[in-house]
Protein backbone atom coordinates (compact mmCIF):
# COMPACT_ATOMS: atom_id res chain seq x y z
CA MET A 1 -21.67 -10.66 -5.92
CA LYS A 2 -19.57 -9.98 -9.00
CA LYS A 3 -15.94 -9.15 -8.31
CA GLN A 4 -14.87 -5.64 -9.26
CA SER A 5 -11.63 -4.97 -11.05
CA THR A 6 -9.00 -3.18 -9.00
CA LEU A 7 -8.68 -1.41 -5.66
CA LEU A 8 -5.71 0.82 -4.91
CA ILE A 9 -5.15 1.45 -1.20
CA GLY A 10 -2.80 4.04 0.25
CA VAL A 11 -2.00 3.34 3.88
CA GLY A 12 -0.52 5.88 6.26
CA ASN A 13 -0.84 9.00 8.33
CA PRO A 14 -0.45 12.31 6.48
CA TYR A 15 0.70 13.97 9.72
CA ARG A 16 3.65 11.61 10.36
CA GLN A 17 6.02 12.68 7.59
CA ASP A 18 7.13 9.68 5.46
CA ASP A 19 4.30 7.55 6.82
CA ALA A 20 2.15 9.46 4.28
CA ALA A 21 3.90 7.78 1.32
CA GLY A 22 1.02 5.41 0.53
CA ILE A 23 -1.56 8.16 0.75
CA ALA A 24 0.61 10.38 -1.49
CA VAL A 25 0.64 7.66 -4.17
CA VAL A 26 -3.15 7.36 -4.12
CA ARG A 27 -3.61 11.12 -4.25
CA ARG A 28 -1.34 11.38 -7.29
CA LEU A 29 -3.17 8.58 -9.09
CA ARG A 30 -6.53 10.21 -8.34
CA GLN A 31 -5.34 13.15 -10.47
CA ARG A 32 -5.29 10.82 -13.47
CA PRO A 33 -7.30 7.79 -12.39
CA PRO A 34 -6.82 4.58 -14.36
CA LYS A 35 -9.99 3.01 -15.74
CA GLN A 36 -11.86 0.60 -13.49
CA VAL A 37 -9.66 1.38 -10.48
CA ASP A 38 -11.13 2.45 -7.17
CA CYS A 39 -8.80 4.45 -4.93
CA MET A 40 -8.98 4.73 -1.17
CA GLU A 41 -6.92 6.05 1.72
CA CYS A 42 -6.57 4.04 4.90
CA PRO A 43 -5.20 6.17 7.73
CA GLY A 44 -6.69 4.08 10.53
CA ASP A 45 -7.60 0.54 11.49
CA LEU A 46 -6.09 -1.76 8.89
CA THR A 47 -8.24 -4.74 9.86
CA THR A 48 -11.14 -3.00 8.07
CA LEU A 49 -9.33 -3.78 4.82
CA ILE A 50 -10.19 -7.47 5.17
CA GLU A 51 -13.82 -6.59 4.49
CA THR A 52 -13.12 -3.70 2.10
CA TRP A 53 -11.11 -5.69 -0.45
CA ARG A 54 -13.40 -8.74 -0.60
CA ASP A 55 -15.12 -7.69 -3.85
CA TYR A 56 -11.95 -6.98 -5.84
CA GLU A 57 -9.89 -9.22 -8.09
CA LEU A 58 -6.71 -7.15 -7.73
CA VAL A 59 -5.70 -5.07 -4.72
CA ILE A 60 -2.61 -2.88 -4.84
CA LEU A 61 -1.59 -1.54 -1.46
CA VAL A 62 1.12 1.05 -0.83
CA ASP A 63 2.60 1.78 2.59
CA ALA A 64 5.73 3.16 4.21
CA MET A 65 8.02 0.63 5.83
CA ARG A 66 11.03 0.30 8.12
CA SER A 67 13.31 -2.51 7.12
CA GLY A 68 16.81 -1.10 7.32
CA ARG A 69 16.95 -0.45 3.58
CA SER A 70 17.97 2.93 2.18
CA ALA A 71 15.38 5.70 2.46
CA GLY A 72 13.20 5.75 -0.64
CA GLU A 73 13.95 2.16 -1.63
CA VAL A 74 10.88 0.44 -3.07
CA VAL A 75 9.99 -3.22 -2.58
CA ARG A 76 7.19 -4.99 -4.48
CA ILE A 77 5.78 -8.26 -3.25
CA ASP A 78 2.88 -10.42 -4.38
CA ALA A 79 1.37 -11.05 -0.95
CA SER A 80 -1.32 -13.32 -2.37
CA ARG A 81 1.38 -15.88 -3.17
CA GLN A 82 3.71 -15.55 -0.20
CA PRO A 83 3.84 -14.04 3.27
CA LEU A 84 5.80 -10.84 3.78
CA PRO A 85 9.50 -11.31 4.43
CA THR A 86 10.30 -11.09 8.12
CA ASP A 87 12.47 -8.00 7.60
CA MET A 88 9.58 -6.06 6.01
CA ARG A 89 7.90 -4.15 8.83
CA PHE A 90 5.37 -1.52 7.89
CA PHE A 91 5.15 1.58 10.04
CA SER A 92 2.04 1.73 12.18
CA LEU A 93 0.82 3.67 15.17
CA HIS A 94 -1.83 1.01 15.74
CA ALA A 95 -1.59 -2.22 17.69
CA ILE A 96 -2.40 -4.18 14.54
CA GLY A 97 -0.32 -3.10 11.56
CA LEU A 98 -0.17 -4.35 7.99
CA ASN A 99 1.93 -7.41 8.81
CA GLU A 100 -0.60 -8.57 11.40
CA THR A 101 -3.59 -7.70 9.22
CA LEU A 102 -2.21 -9.80 6.36
CA ALA A 103 -1.51 -12.71 8.70
CA LEU A 104 -5.09 -12.50 10.00
CA ALA A 105 -6.55 -12.31 6.47
CA ARG A 106 -4.44 -15.29 5.40
CA ALA A 107 -5.56 -17.32 8.46
CA LEU A 108 -9.21 -16.49 7.69
CA SER A 109 -8.75 -17.22 3.96
CA ARG A 110 -9.81 -13.63 3.23
CA LEU A 111 -6.97 -12.39 1.05
CA PRO A 112 -8.04 -11.03 -2.33
CA PRO A 113 -7.24 -13.23 -5.36
CA LYS A 114 -4.26 -10.99 -6.15
CA LEU A 115 -2.67 -8.68 -3.58
CA VAL A 116 0.36 -6.62 -4.55
CA ILE A 117 2.14 -4.55 -1.94
CA TYR A 118 4.54 -1.72 -2.63
CA GLY A 119 6.62 -0.81 0.40
CA ILE A 120 8.50 2.48 0.42
CA GLU A 121 11.34 2.69 2.93
CA GLY A 122 10.77 5.78 5.06
CA LYS A 123 13.30 8.07 6.65
CA HIS A 124 11.35 10.31 9.04
CA PHE A 125 8.23 9.25 10.93
CA GLY A 126 7.96 12.08 13.45
CA GLU A 127 5.12 14.53 13.76
CA GLY A 128 4.65 16.89 10.85
CA GLU A 129 3.69 17.02 7.22
CA GLY A 130 5.82 16.50 4.13
CA LEU A 131 7.87 13.68 2.73
CA SER A 132 11.64 13.43 2.80
CA PRO A 133 13.19 14.00 -0.67
CA GLU A 134 14.04 10.28 -1.01
CA VAL A 135 10.48 9.20 -0.25
CA ALA A 136 8.95 11.92 -2.46
CA LYS A 137 10.97 10.57 -5.39
CA ALA A 138 9.94 7.00 -4.53
CA VAL A 139 6.28 8.05 -4.52
CA GLU A 140 6.64 9.23 -8.13
CA ASP A 141 8.41 5.97 -9.03
CA VAL A 142 5.65 3.87 -7.46
CA VAL A 143 2.98 5.84 -9.34
CA ARG A 144 4.77 4.91 -12.59
CA TYR A 145 5.16 1.26 -11.52
CA ILE A 146 1.46 0.99 -10.70
CA LEU A 147 0.40 2.57 -13.99
CA GLN A 148 2.64 0.08 -15.83
CA GLU A 149 1.26 -2.81 -13.80
CA LEU A 150 -2.33 -1.78 -14.50
CA LYS A 151 -1.62 -1.35 -18.20
CA GLY A 152 -0.23 -4.89 -18.25
CA SER A 153 -3.29 -6.30 -16.46
CA ASP A 154 -5.76 -4.33 -18.63
CA ALA A 155 -7.41 -2.95 -15.49
């Protein structure tokens, strides 16, 4: 099967405050979708991503994280080249979160050819809707970063 161009994945729960950061990025980009980019939200079982991303050359994934950084701080990592740093923990209400899903995909040799992860440091993960001001600003920043990255890759 021919590989498709780019998949943008927003991970998170829209009813757990800053955990919705990844989904917010995808929803903003859907308002002005880049060419040849498929967008999806992943609010549930992250292990399904291992199958979902198999037909894509480039996968950009955005998720909220807890690492002790300042709220709204953004980290970009090329996860196809290196494992996540040990201090980068992504927020998850599931037994298997992003860190574990990536480790499983790596062990099974099922990572996409290029996997870029944007982590947005969250502030509030309690029940409720709406992002903290720091994370809302970071969402807009990440939208710009992704558009720049896609322009550079001609996706």
